[in-house]
PDB file of N, CA and C in Angstrom:
ATOM      1  N   UNK A   1      70.419  86.635  90.479  1.00  0.00           N
ATOM      2  CA  UNK A   1      70.520  87.464  91.570  1.00  0.00           C
ATOM      3  C   UNK A   1      70.957  86.845  92.431  1.00  0.00           C
ATOM      4  N   UNK A   2      72.243  87.034  93.620  1.00  0.00           N
ATOM      5  CA  UNK A   2      72.544  86.424  94.753  1.00  0.00           C
ATOM      6  C   UNK A   2      71.995  86.408  95.747  1.00  0.00           C
ATOM      7  N   UNK A   3      72.092  85.485  96.836  1.00  0.00           N
ATOM      8  CA  UNK A   3      71.653  85.414  98.158  1.00  0.00           C
ATOM      9  C   UNK A   3      72.099  86.761  98.982  1.00  0.00           C
ATOM     10  N   UNK A   4      71.239  87.530  99.881  1.00  0.00           N
ATOM     11  CA  UNK A   4      71.582  88.360 100.708  1.00  0.00           C
ATOM     12  C   UNK A   4      72.102  87.649 102.011  1.00  0.00           C
ATOM     13  N   UNK A   5      72.994  88.126 102.723  1.00  0.00           N
ATOM     14  CA  UNK A   5      73.254  87.462 103.982  1.00  0.00           C
ATOM     15  C   UNK A   5      72.724  88.512 105.012  1.00  0.00           C
ATOM     16  N   UNK A   6      72.274  87.685 106.114  1.00  0.00           N
ATOM     17  CA  UNK A   6      71.650  88.222 107.318  1.00  0.00           C
ATOM     18  C   UNK A   6      72.953  88.904 108.075  1.00  0.00           C
ATOM     19  N   UNK A   7      73.040  89.893 108.868  1.00  0.00           N
ATOM     20  CA  UNK A   7      73.944  90.489 109.460  1.00  0.00           C
ATOM     21  C   UNK A   7      74.752  89.107 110.359  1.00  0.00           C
ATOM     22  N   UNK A   8      73.800  88.212 110.927  1.00  0.00           N
ATOM     23  CA  UNK A   8      74.361  87.206 111.958  1.00  0.00           C
ATOM     24  C   UNK A   8      75.246  86.169 110.767  1.00  0.00           C
ATOM     25  N   UNK A   9      74.856  85.790 109.734  1.00  0.00           N
ATOM     26  CA  UNK A   9      75.568  85.326 108.862  1.00  0.00           C
ATOM     27  C   UNK A   9      76.717  85.691 108.304  1.00  0.00           C
ATOM     28  N   UNK A  10      76.551  86.900 107.885  1.00  0.00           N
ATOM     29  CA  UNK A  10      77.917  87.827 107.353  1.00  0.00           C
ATOM     30  C   UNK A  10      78.975  87.823 108.615  1.00  0.00           C
ATOM     31  N   UNK A  11      78.515  87.805 109.812  1.00  0.00           N
ATOM     32  CA  UNK A  11      79.517  87.390 110.833  1.00  0.00           C
ATOM     33  C   UNK A  11      80.076  86.142 111.024  1.00  0.00           C
ATOM     34  N   UNK A  12      79.234  85.195 110.824  1.00  0.00           N
ATOM     35  CA  UNK A  12      80.066  83.961 110.923  1.00  0.00           C
ATOM     36  C   UNK A  12      80.584  83.398 109.668  1.00  0.00           C
ATOM     37  N   UNK A  13      80.705  84.165 108.782  1.00  0.00           N
ATOM     38  CA  UNK A  13      81.450  84.046 107.400  1.00  0.00           C
ATOM     39  C   UNK A  13      82.475  84.878 107.285  1.00  0.00           C
ATOM     40  N   UNK A  14      82.686  85.848 108.418  1.00  0.00           N
ATOM     41  CA  UNK A  14      84.065  86.633 108.368  1.00  0.00           C
ATOM     42  C   UNK A  14      83.845  87.985 108.027  1.00  0.00           C
ATOM     43  N   UNK A  15      82.484  88.263 107.597  1.00  0.00           N
ATOM     44  CA  UNK A  15      82.678  89.590 106.912  1.00  0.00           C
ATOM     45  C   UNK A  15      82.313  90.777 107.561  1.00  0.00           C
ATOM     46  N   UNK A  16      81.890  90.474 108.878  1.00  0.00           N
ATOM     47  CA  UNK A  16      81.563  91.405 109.874  1.00  0.00           C
ATOM     48  C   UNK A  16      82.338  91.248 111.126  1.00  0.00           C
ATOM     49  N   UNK A  17      83.049  91.977 111.622  1.00  0.00           N
ATOM     50  CA  UNK A  17      83.807  92.105 113.010  1.00  0.00           C
ATOM     51  C   UNK A  17      83.216  91.988 114.136  1.00  0.00           C
ATOM     52  N   UNK A  18      81.875  92.103 114.094  1.00  0.00           N
ATOM     53  CA  UNK A  18      81.109  92.065 115.273  1.00  0.00           C
ATOM     54  C   UNK A  18      79.863  91.919 114.812  1.00  0.00           C
ATOM     55  N   UNK A  19      78.854  91.356 115.862  1.00  0.00           N
ATOM     56  CA  UNK A  19      77.477  91.216 115.541  1.00  0.00           C
ATOM     57  C   UNK A  19      76.571  91.007 116.898  1.00  0.00           C
ATOM     58  N   UNK A  20      75.585  91.880 116.791  1.00  0.00           N
ATOM     59  CA  UNK A  20      74.549  92.148 118.083  1.00  0.00           C
ATOM     60  C   UNK A  20      73.404  91.400 117.853  1.00  0.00           C
ATOM     61  N   UNK A  21      72.942  90.457 119.012  1.00  0.00           N
ATOM     62  CA  UNK A  21      71.918  89.734 118.830  1.00  0.00           C
ATOM     63  C   UNK A  21      70.729  90.003 119.953  1.00  0.00           C
ATOM     64  N   UNK A  22      69.836  90.175 119.835  1.00  0.00           N
ATOM     65  CA  UNK A  22      68.710  90.425 121.170  1.00  0.00           C
ATOM     66  C   UNK A  22      68.283  88.900 121.734  1.00  0.00           C
ATOM     67  N   UNK A  23      68.587  88.780 122.763  1.00  0.00           N
ATOM     68  CA  UNK A  23      67.966  87.474 123.302  1.00  0.00           C
ATOM     69  C   UNK A  23      66.715  86.980 123.367  1.00  0.00           C
ATOM     70  N   UNK A  24      65.847  88.422 123.561  1.00  0.00           N
ATOM     71  CA  UNK A  24      64.436  88.020 123.153  1.00  0.00           C
ATOM     72  C   UNK A  24      63.558  87.966 121.773  1.00  0.00           C
ATOM     73  N   UNK A  25      64.465  87.947 120.803  1.00  0.00           N
ATOM     74  CA  UNK A  25      64.011  88.060 119.589  1.00  0.00           C
ATOM     75  C   UNK A  25      64.006  86.714 119.162  1.00  0.00           C
ATOM     76  N   UNK A  26      62.548  86.248 118.795  1.00  0.00           N
ATOM     77  CA  UNK A  26      62.393  85.069 118.230  1.00  0.00           C
ATOM     78  C   UNK A  26      63.345  84.791 116.894  1.00  0.00           C
ATOM     79  N   UNK A  27      63.050  85.541 116.222  1.00  0.00           N
ATOM     80  CA  UNK A  27      63.763  85.585 114.678  1.00  0.00           C
ATOM     81  C   UNK A  27      65.173  85.429 114.823  1.00  0.00           C
ATOM     82  N   UNK A  28      65.790  85.896 115.718  1.00  0.00           N
ATOM     83  CA  UNK A  28      67.242  85.760 115.864  1.00  0.00           C
ATOM     84  C   UNK A  28      67.699  84.526 116.874  1.00  0.00           C
ATOM     85  N   UNK A  29      66.785  83.872 117.278  1.00  0.00           N
ATOM     86  CA  UNK A  29      67.199  82.794 118.296  1.00  0.00           C
ATOM     87  C   UNK A  29      67.886  81.735 117.581  1.00  0.00           C
ATOM     88  N   UNK A  30      67.606  81.128 116.530  1.00  0.00           N
ATOM     89  CA  UNK A  30      68.499  80.222 116.007  1.00  0.00           C
ATOM     90  C   UNK A  30      70.176  80.558 115.770  1.00  0.00           C
ATOM     91  N   UNK A  31      70.171  81.767 115.192  1.00  0.00           N
ATOM     92  CA  UNK A  31      71.551  82.570 115.236  1.00  0.00           C
ATOM     93  C   UNK A  31      72.198  82.490 116.403  1.00  0.00           C
ATOM     94  N   UNK A  32      71.645  83.262 117.547  1.00  0.00           N
ATOM     95  CA  UNK A  32      72.077  83.199 118.872  1.00  0.00           C
ATOM     96  C   UNK A  32      72.443  82.047 119.411  1.00  0.00           C
ATOM     97  N   UNK A  33      71.794  80.925 119.316  1.00  0.00           N
ATOM     98  CA  UNK A  33      71.856  79.717 119.746  1.00  0.00           C
ATOM     99  C   UNK A  33      73.395  79.074 119.123  1.00  0.00           C
ATOM    100  N   UNK A  34      73.706  79.496 117.761  1.00  0.00           N
ATOM    101  CA  UNK A  34      74.614  78.823 117.072  1.00  0.00           C
ATOM    102  C   UNK A  34      75.831  79.904 117.311  1.00  0.00           C
ATOM    103  N   UNK A  35      75.861  81.098 117.558  1.00  0.00           N
ATOM    104  CA  UNK A  35      76.811  81.865 118.240  1.00  0.00           C
ATOM    105  C   UNK A  35      77.064  81.432 119.687  1.00  0.00           C
ATOM    106  N   UNK A  36      76.284  81.266 120.347  1.00  0.00           N
ATOM    107  CA  UNK A  36      76.734  80.695 121.838  1.00  0.00           C
ATOM    108  C   UNK A  36      77.612  79.303 121.656  1.00  0.00           C
ATOM    109  N   UNK A  37      76.988  78.723 120.844  1.00  0.00           N
ATOM    110  CA  UNK A  37      77.342  76.977 120.900  1.00  0.00           C
ATOM    111  C   UNK A  37      78.849  77.192 120.414  1.00  0.00           C
ATOM    112  N   UNK A  38      79.140  78.124 119.386  1.00  0.00           N
ATOM    113  CA  UNK A  38      80.371  77.924 118.710  1.00  0.00           C
ATOM    114  C   UNK A  38      81.509  78.649 119.809  1.00  0.00           C
ATOM    115  N   UNK A  39      81.013  79.395 120.867  1.00  0.00           N
ATOM    116  CA  UNK A  39      81.829  79.721 121.637  1.00  0.00           C
ATOM    117  C   UNK A  39      82.520  81.466 121.312  1.00  0.00           C
ATOM    118  N   UNK A  40      81.818  82.009 120.578  1.00  0.00           N
ATOM    119  CA  UNK A  40      82.380  83.308 120.173  1.00  0.00           C
ATOM    120  C   UNK A  40      82.348  84.005 121.494  1.00  0.00           C
ATOM    121  N   UNK A  41      83.821  84.976 121.472  1.00  0.00           N
ATOM    122  CA  UNK A  41      83.667  85.901 122.610  1.00  0.00           C
ATOM    123  C   UNK A  41      82.515  86.706 122.580  1.00  0.00           C
ATOM    124  N   UNK A  42      82.101  87.028 123.807  1.00  0.00           N
ATOM    125  CA  UNK A  42      80.627  87.863 123.783  1.00  0.00           C
ATOM    126  C   UNK A  42      80.966  89.028 124.735  1.00  0.00           C
ATOM    127  N   UNK A  43      79.773  89.858 124.831  1.00  0.00           N
ATOM    128  CA  UNK A  43      79.697  90.919 125.683  1.00  0.00           C
ATOM    129  C   UNK A  43      78.006  90.503 126.157  1.00  0.00           C
ATOM    130  N   UNK A  44      77.670  90.523 127.302  1.00  0.00           N
ATOM    131  CA  UNK A  44      76.155  90.653 127.141  1.00  0.00           C
ATOM    132  C   UNK A  44      75.714  91.639 128.489  1.00  0.00           C
ATOM    133  N   UNK A  45      74.448  92.158 127.865  1.00  0.00           N
ATOM    134  CA  UNK A  45      73.634  93.034 128.972  1.00  0.00           C
ATOM    135  C   UNK A  45      74.447  94.762 128.610  1.00  0.00           C
ATOM    136  N   UNK A  46      75.248  94.912 127.973  1.00  0.00           N
ATOM    137  CA  UNK A  46      75.771  96.289 127.673  1.00  0.00           C
ATOM    138  C   UNK A  46      74.458  96.954 127.418  1.00  0.00           C
ATOM    139  N   UNK A  47      73.476  96.889 126.644  1.00  0.00           N
ATOM    140  CA  UNK A  47      72.271  97.842 126.410  1.00  0.00           C
ATOM    141  C   UNK A  47      71.148  97.591 127.660  1.00  0.00           C
ATOM    142  N   UNK A  48      71.314  98.825 128.614  1.00  0.00           N
ATOM    143  CA  UNK A  48      70.291  98.901 129.811  1.00  0.00           C
ATOM    144  C   UNK A  48      68.898  98.478 129.203  1.00  0.00           C
ATOM    145  N   UNK A  49      68.515  98.717 128.257  1.00  0.00           N
ATOM    146  CA  UNK A  49      66.835  98.798 127.798  1.00  0.00           C
ATOM    147  C   UNK A  49      66.556  97.335 127.397  1.00  0.00           C
ATOM    148  N   UNK A  50      67.546  96.284 126.922  1.00  0.00           N
ATOM    149  CA  UNK A  50      67.068  95.223 126.479  1.00  0.00           C
ATOM    150  C   UNK A  50      68.475  94.117 126.577  1.00  0.00           C
ATOM    151  N   UNK A  51      68.061  92.745 126.440  1.00  0.00           N
ATOM    152  CA  UNK A  51      69.252  91.837 126.664  1.00  0.00           C
ATOM    153  C   UNK A  51      69.677  91.649 125.494  1.00  0.00           C
ATOM    154  N   UNK A  52      70.775  92.178 125.222  1.00  0.00           N
ATOM    155  CA  UNK A  52      71.894  92.038 124.056  1.00  0.00           C
ATOM    156  C   UNK A  52      73.053  91.440 124.124  1.00  0.00           C
ATOM    157  N   UNK A  53      73.197  90.590 123.241  1.00  0.00           N
ATOM    158  CA  UNK A  53      74.651  89.873 123.106  1.00  0.00           C
ATOM    159  C   UNK A  53      75.361  90.799 122.045  1.00  0.00           C
ATOM    160  N   UNK A  54      76.810  90.884 122.191  1.00  0.00           N
ATOM    161  CA  UNK A  54      77.481  91.392 121.176  1.00  0.00           C
ATOM    162  C   UNK A  54      78.634  90.400 120.817  1.00  0.00           C
ATOM    163  N   UNK A  55      78.690  89.829 120.012  1.00  0.00           N
ATOM    164  CA  UNK A  55      79.684  88.819 119.702  1.00  0.00           C
ATOM    165  C   UNK A  55      80.893  89.296 118.583  1.00  0.00           C
ATOM    166  N   UNK A  56      82.315  88.790 119.192  1.00  0.00           N
ATOM    167  CA  UNK A  56      83.210  89.226 118.397  1.00  0.00           C
ATOM    168  C   UNK A  56      84.104  87.677 117.867  1.00  0.00           C
ATOM    169  N   UNK A  57      84.877  88.259 116.830  1.00  0.00           N
ATOM    170  CA  UNK A  57      85.751  87.004 116.225  1.00  0.00           C
ATOM    171  C   UNK A  57      86.667  86.697 117.482  1.00  0.00           C
ATOM    172  N   UNK A  58      87.293  87.334 118.258  1.00  0.00           N
ATOM    173  CA  UNK A  58      88.577  86.882 119.056  1.00  0.00           C
ATOM    174  C   UNK A  58      88.545  87.764 120.362  1.00  0.00           C
ATOM    175  N   UNK A  59      88.872  87.264 121.183  1.00  0.00           N
ATOM    176  CA  UNK A  59      89.058  88.109 122.879  1.00  0.00           C
ATOM    177  C   UNK A  59      89.621  89.415 122.831  1.00  0.00           C
ATOM    178  N   UNK A  60      90.769  89.294 121.722  1.00  0.00           N
ATOM    179  CA  UNK A  60      91.512  90.741 122.094  1.00  0.00           C
ATOM    180  C   UNK A  60      90.377  91.686 121.311  1.00  0.00           C
ATOM    181  N   UNK A  61      89.506  91.431 120.313  1.00  0.00           N
ATOM    182  CA  UNK A  61      88.530  92.238 119.979  1.00  0.00           C
ATOM    183  C   UNK A  61      87.375  92.913 120.936  1.00  0.00           C
ATOM    184  N   UNK A  62      87.295  91.638 121.629  1.00  0.00           N
ATOM    185  CA  UNK A  62      86.335  91.783 122.483  1.00  0.00           C
ATOM    186  C   UNK A  62      86.865  92.431 123.858  1.00  0.00           C
ATOM    187  N   UNK A  63      87.920  92.542 124.346  1.00  0.00           N
ATOM    188  CA  UNK A  63      88.349  93.388 125.413  1.00  0.00           C
ATOM    189  C   UNK A  63      88.254  94.628 125.027  1.00  0.00           C
ATOM    190  N   UNK A  64      88.899  95.294 123.676  1.00  0.00           N
ATOM    191  CA  UNK A  64      89.137  96.452 123.344  1.00  0.00           C
ATOM    192  C   UNK A  64      87.422  97.120 123.154  1.00  0.00           C
ATOM    193  N   UNK A  65      86.517  96.446 123.169  1.00  0.00           N
ATOM    194  CA  UNK A  65      85.117  96.915 123.285  1.00  0.00           C
ATOM    195  C   UNK A  65      84.665  97.653 124.631  1.00  0.00           C
TER     196      UNK A  65
END
């Protein structure tokens, strides 16, 4: 049986067009740090109930969001 990818991993491998990460979730912290470090275009704080980042592969997709 093959390995299942987490949504954040699938995004980094190019299988997903966007990826959402909660900044306060300790399980997602390593992924959030990698996504920020790699400089993916993102939108922060669009969800007023929590501190979410949504990452995109390019600026064009980010702007259309």
